[in-house]
Amino acid sequence: MRGPRGRAGLHEVLLLVAAAGVLCPTSVAEVCFEWVKLTPAGLRVSFHVTPRSRR
């Protein structure tokens, strides 16, 4: 993708990063948000989900 300033333009210019490893348990799974990045193109989120064991 070509933008006005090179291949990616301003789409990937990093504006803000937050990293914490925030754990959000729900009734069916645990969601862990590893980091969030804000760019002019929007938010990018890294997370993983672990299903809760059924007992």
N, C-alpha and C. Protein backbone atom coordinates (compact mmCIF):
# COMPACT_ATOMS: atom_id res chain seq x y z
N MET A 1 0.85 -1.17 0.00
CA MET A 1 0.00 0.00 0.00
C MET A 1 0.89 1.24 0.00
N ARG A 2 0.68 2.12 -0.92
CA ARG A 2 1.51 3.31 -1.01
C ARG A 2 0.75 4.53 -0.53
N GLY A 3 1.39 5.26 0.37
CA GLY A 3 0.81 6.48 0.88
C GLY A 3 1.66 7.66 0.46
N PRO A 4 1.34 8.84 0.94
CA PRO A 4 2.07 10.03 0.53
C PRO A 4 3.51 10.06 1.04
N ARG A 5 3.85 9.26 2.03
CA ARG A 5 5.21 9.29 2.59
C ARG A 5 5.90 7.94 2.51
N GLY A 6 5.70 7.22 1.46
CA GLY A 6 6.37 5.94 1.33
C GLY A 6 5.38 4.81 1.26
N ARG A 7 5.89 3.62 1.50
CA ARG A 7 5.09 2.43 1.30
C ARG A 7 3.83 2.38 2.16
N ALA A 8 3.94 2.58 3.46
CA ALA A 8 2.77 2.48 4.34
C ALA A 8 2.18 3.84 4.68
N GLY A 9 2.84 4.91 4.30
CA GLY A 9 2.34 6.22 4.66
C GLY A 9 2.31 6.39 6.17
N LEU A 10 1.28 7.02 6.66
CA LEU A 10 1.17 7.24 8.11
C LEU A 10 0.36 6.16 8.81
N HIS A 11 -0.05 5.13 8.09
CA HIS A 11 -0.91 4.10 8.67
C HIS A 11 -0.26 3.37 9.84
N GLU A 12 1.04 3.19 9.80
CA GLU A 12 1.72 2.42 10.85
C GLU A 12 2.54 3.28 11.80
N VAL A 13 2.42 4.59 11.74
CA VAL A 13 3.13 5.46 12.67
C VAL A 13 2.54 5.26 14.05
N LEU A 14 3.37 4.87 14.97
CA LEU A 14 2.92 4.56 16.32
C LEU A 14 2.66 5.84 17.10
N LEU A 15 1.46 5.98 17.66
CA LEU A 15 1.11 7.15 18.45
C LEU A 15 1.15 6.84 19.95
N LEU A 16 0.79 5.61 20.32
CA LEU A 16 0.69 5.25 21.73
C LEU A 16 0.76 3.74 21.87
N VAL A 17 1.42 3.27 22.92
CA VAL A 17 1.47 1.84 23.23
C VAL A 17 1.13 1.66 24.70
N ALA A 18 0.30 0.68 24.99
CA ALA A 18 0.01 0.31 26.36
C ALA A 18 0.21 -1.19 26.48
N ALA A 19 0.95 -1.60 27.51
CA ALA A 19 1.20 -3.02 27.73
C ALA A 19 1.04 -3.32 29.20
N ALA A 20 0.30 -4.37 29.49
CA ALA A 20 0.09 -4.67 30.89
C ALA A 20 -0.16 -6.13 31.18
N GLY A 21 -0.66 -6.87 30.23
CA GLY A 21 -1.04 -8.25 30.52
C GLY A 21 -2.30 -8.29 31.37
N VAL A 22 -3.31 -7.55 30.97
CA VAL A 22 -4.56 -7.44 31.73
C VAL A 22 -5.40 -8.69 31.52
N LEU A 23 -5.74 -9.37 32.60
CA LEU A 23 -6.54 -10.59 32.57
C LEU A 23 -7.99 -10.25 32.80
N CYS A 24 -8.86 -10.70 31.88
CA CYS A 24 -10.30 -10.45 31.97
C CYS A 24 -11.03 -11.80 31.99
N PRO A 25 -11.29 -12.36 33.15
CA PRO A 25 -11.99 -13.64 33.20
C PRO A 25 -13.48 -13.47 32.88
N THR A 26 -14.03 -14.42 32.14
CA THR A 26 -15.47 -14.47 31.87
C THR A 26 -15.97 -15.83 32.29
N SER A 27 -17.23 -16.09 32.11
CA SER A 27 -17.79 -17.38 32.52
C SER A 27 -17.34 -18.52 31.62
N VAL A 28 -16.87 -18.22 30.39
CA VAL A 28 -16.48 -19.27 29.46
C VAL A 28 -15.01 -19.30 29.11
N ALA A 29 -14.29 -18.20 29.37
CA ALA A 29 -12.87 -18.14 29.00
C ALA A 29 -12.18 -17.02 29.77
N GLU A 30 -10.85 -17.07 29.76
CA GLU A 30 -10.04 -15.98 30.30
C GLU A 30 -9.36 -15.30 29.12
N VAL A 31 -9.53 -14.00 29.02
CA VAL A 31 -8.93 -13.21 27.95
C VAL A 31 -7.81 -12.39 28.56
N CYS A 32 -6.62 -12.47 27.97
CA CYS A 32 -5.48 -11.70 28.45
C CYS A 32 -5.06 -10.74 27.34
N PHE A 33 -5.21 -9.43 27.59
CA PHE A 33 -4.77 -8.40 26.65
C PHE A 33 -3.31 -8.12 26.94
N GLU A 34 -2.44 -8.36 25.94
CA GLU A 34 -1.00 -8.21 26.12
C GLU A 34 -0.55 -6.78 25.83
N TRP A 35 -1.03 -6.18 24.73
CA TRP A 35 -0.70 -4.79 24.43
C TRP A 35 -1.74 -4.19 23.52
N VAL A 36 -1.79 -2.87 23.50
CA VAL A 36 -2.67 -2.11 22.61
C VAL A 36 -1.82 -1.01 21.97
N LYS A 37 -1.90 -0.87 20.66
CA LYS A 37 -1.17 0.19 19.95
C LYS A 37 -2.18 1.08 19.24
N LEU A 38 -1.95 2.37 19.32
CA LEU A 38 -2.79 3.33 18.62
C LEU A 38 -1.98 3.91 17.46
N THR A 39 -2.50 3.79 16.25
CA THR A 39 -1.90 4.37 15.05
C THR A 39 -2.95 5.24 14.38
N PRO A 40 -2.56 6.07 13.42
CA PRO A 40 -3.57 6.85 12.70
C PRO A 40 -4.62 5.98 12.01
N ALA A 41 -4.27 4.74 11.69
CA ALA A 41 -5.22 3.84 11.03
C ALA A 41 -6.20 3.20 12.01
N GLY A 42 -5.93 3.28 13.30
CA GLY A 42 -6.82 2.69 14.30
C GLY A 42 -6.06 1.97 15.39
N LEU A 43 -6.76 1.09 16.11
CA LEU A 43 -6.17 0.32 17.21
C LEU A 43 -5.67 -1.02 16.72
N ARG A 44 -4.55 -1.47 17.27
CA ARG A 44 -4.06 -2.84 17.07
C ARG A 44 -3.97 -3.45 18.47
N VAL A 45 -4.50 -4.65 18.63
CA VAL A 45 -4.59 -5.28 19.94
C VAL A 45 -3.97 -6.67 19.86
N SER A 46 -3.19 -7.03 20.87
CA SER A 46 -2.66 -8.38 20.99
C SER A 46 -3.29 -9.01 22.23
N PHE A 47 -3.89 -10.19 22.04
CA PHE A 47 -4.53 -10.86 23.16
C PHE A 47 -4.51 -12.36 22.94
N HIS A 48 -4.73 -13.10 23.99
CA HIS A 48 -4.93 -14.54 23.85
C HIS A 48 -6.07 -14.97 24.76
N VAL A 49 -6.72 -16.05 24.37
CA VAL A 49 -7.90 -16.54 25.08
C VAL A 49 -7.63 -17.98 25.51
N THR A 50 -7.93 -18.25 26.78
CA THR A 50 -7.81 -19.60 27.32
C THR A 50 -9.19 -20.04 27.78
N PRO A 51 -9.74 -21.13 27.21
CA PRO A 51 -11.06 -21.59 27.65
C PRO A 51 -11.02 -22.09 29.10
N ARG A 52 -12.09 -21.83 29.80
CA ARG A 52 -12.18 -22.34 31.18
C ARG A 52 -12.47 -23.83 31.11
N SER A 53 -11.91 -24.58 32.02
CA SER A 53 -12.17 -26.02 32.05
C SER A 53 -13.56 -26.27 32.61
N ARG A 54 -14.23 -27.25 32.03
CA ARG A 54 -15.57 -27.61 32.53
C ARG A 54 -15.42 -28.69 33.58
N ARG A 55 -16.05 -28.47 34.69
CA ARG A 55 -15.95 -29.45 35.80
C ARG A 55 -17.28 -30.04 36.13
